[in-house]
C-alpha atoms as a PDB file:
ATOM      1  CA  MET A   1      24.945  72.168  47.601  1.00  0.00           C
ATOM      2  CA  PRO A   2      27.816  73.279  45.332  1.00  0.00           C
ATOM      3  CA  ASN A   3      26.281  76.775  45.090  1.00  0.00           C
ATOM      4  CA  ASN A   4      26.502  77.316  48.879  1.00  0.00           C
ATOM      5  CA  GLN A   5      30.046  76.049  48.905  1.00  0.00           C
ATOM      6  CA  ALA A   6      31.028  78.515  46.174  1.00  0.00           C
ATOM      7  CA  LYS A   7      29.507  81.452  48.084  1.00  0.00           C
ATOM      8  CA  ALA A   8      31.304  80.460  51.249  1.00  0.00           C
ATOM      9  CA  SER A   9      34.544  80.145  49.336  1.00  0.00           C
ATOM     10  CA  ARG A  10      34.173  83.635  47.826  1.00  0.00           C
ATOM     11  CA  ARG A  11      33.280  85.131  51.190  1.00  0.00           C
ATOM     12  CA  GLY A  12      36.306  83.513  52.758  1.00  0.00           C
ATOM     13  CA  PHE A  13      38.539  84.798  49.999  1.00  0.00           C
ATOM     14  CA  PHE A  14      37.326  88.376  50.311  1.00  0.00           C
ATOM     15  CA  LEU A  15      37.462  88.239  54.106  1.00  0.00           C
ATOM     16  CA  SER A  16      41.040  86.981  53.967  1.00  0.00           C
ATOM     17  CA  ALA A  17      42.017  89.530  51.335  1.00  0.00           C
ATOM     18  CA  SER A  18      40.636  92.410  53.365  1.00  0.00           C
ATOM     19  CA  ALA A  19      42.333  91.172  56.537  1.00  0.00           C
ATOM     20  CA  VAL A  20      45.674  90.883  54.738  1.00  0.00           C
ATOM     21  CA  GLY A  21      45.229  94.338  53.227  1.00  0.00           C
ATOM     22  CA  ALA A  22      44.507  95.845  56.620  1.00  0.00           C
ATOM     23  CA  ALA A  23      47.536  94.116  58.110  1.00  0.00           C
ATOM     24  CA  VAL A  24      49.810  95.397  55.329  1.00  0.00           C
ATOM     25  CA  ALA A  25      48.475  98.936  55.671  1.00  0.00           C
ATOM     26  CA  THR A  26      48.941  98.898  59.438  1.00  0.00           C
ATOM     27  CA  THR A  27      52.485  97.578  59.129  1.00  0.00           C
ATOM     28  CA  ALA A  28      53.390 100.220  56.563  1.00  0.00           C
ATOM     29  CA  TRP A  29      51.864 102.937  58.746  1.00  0.00           C
ATOM     30  CA  LEU A  30      53.781 101.785  61.824  1.00  0.00           C
ATOM     31  CA  LYS A  31      57.105 101.627  59.970  1.00  0.00           C
ATOM     32  CA  THR A  32      56.771 105.130  58.510  1.00  0.00           C
ATOM     33  CA  PRO A  33      58.817 107.597  60.595  1.00  0.00           C
ATOM     34  CA  ALA A  34      57.014 110.607  61.956  1.00  0.00           C
ATOM     35  CA  PRO A  35      57.865 113.816  60.095  1.00  0.00           C
ATOM     36  CA  ALA A  36      60.108 116.163  61.998  1.00  0.00           C
ATOM     37  CA  ALA A  37      58.371 119.305  63.168  1.00  0.00           C
ATOM     38  CA  VAL A  38      59.882 122.216  61.275  1.00  0.00           C
ATOM     39  CA  THR A  39      59.349 125.577  62.909  1.00  0.00           C
ATOM     40  CA  PRO A  40      60.876 128.749  61.559  1.00  0.00           C
ATOM     41  CA  PRO A  41      63.031 130.707  63.992  1.00  0.00           C
ATOM     42  CA  ALA A  42      61.155 133.371  65.947  1.00  0.00           C
ATOM     43  CA  ARG A  43      61.707 136.927  64.815  1.00  0.00           C
ATOM     44  CA  PRO A  44      62.852 139.470  67.368  1.00  0.00           C
ATOM     45  CA  ALA A  45      60.216 141.852  68.706  1.00  0.00           C
ATOM     46  CA  PRO A  46      60.058 145.197  66.900  1.00  0.00           C
ATOM     47  CA  GLU A  47      61.738 148.037  68.752  1.00  0.00           C
ATOM     48  CA  LYS A  48      59.103 150.691  68.024  1.00  0.00           C
ATOM     49  CA  GLY A  49      55.997 148.619  68.647  1.00  0.00           C
ATOM     50  CA  GLY A  50      53.756 147.222  65.994  1.00  0.00           C
ATOM     51  CA  GLY A  51      54.387 143.597  65.300  1.00  0.00           C
ATOM     52  CA  TYR A  52      52.547 142.929  62.043  1.00  0.00           C
ATOM     53  CA  SER A  53      54.625 141.007  59.588  1.00  0.00           C
ATOM     54  CA  LEU A  54      53.705 139.505  56.259  1.00  0.00           C
ATOM     55  CA  SER A  55      54.433 135.873  57.055  1.00  0.00           C
ATOM     56  CA  GLU A  56      53.726 132.786  54.941  1.00  0.00           C
ATOM     57  CA  HIS A  57      50.651 132.101  57.061  1.00  0.00           C
ATOM     58  CA  VAL A  58      49.261 135.569  56.351  1.00  0.00           C
ATOM     59  CA  LYS A  59      50.059 135.245  52.634  1.00  0.00           C
ATOM     60  CA  GLN A  60      48.182 131.929  52.526  1.00  0.00           C
ATOM     61  CA  TYR A  61      45.186 133.552  54.212  1.00  0.00           C
ATOM     62  CA  TYR A  62      45.185 136.383  51.698  1.00  0.00           C
ATOM     63  CA  LYS A  63      45.210 133.846  48.847  1.00  0.00           C
ATOM     64  CA  THR A  64      42.086 132.171  50.275  1.00  0.00           C
ATOM     65  CA  THR A  65      40.195 135.474  50.349  1.00  0.00           C
ATOM     66  CA  LEU A  66      40.629 136.247  46.651  1.00  0.00           C
ATOM     67  CA  VAL A  67      37.446 136.080  44.626  1.00  0.00           C
END
């Protein structure tokens, strides 16, 4: 009988520990403020047409295409 009691005790401990861990993680997640959306100011439209500009997004894409 002591063997069953030990297994139940371990299961209870791990169940409690995981529940407490989940509660702590949820609380920390809820208290974390949402990051402010940072958008760069829009550039004015080019006067003579076109519109291609080497932005950070384009530079990042070019980096991913390097072999």
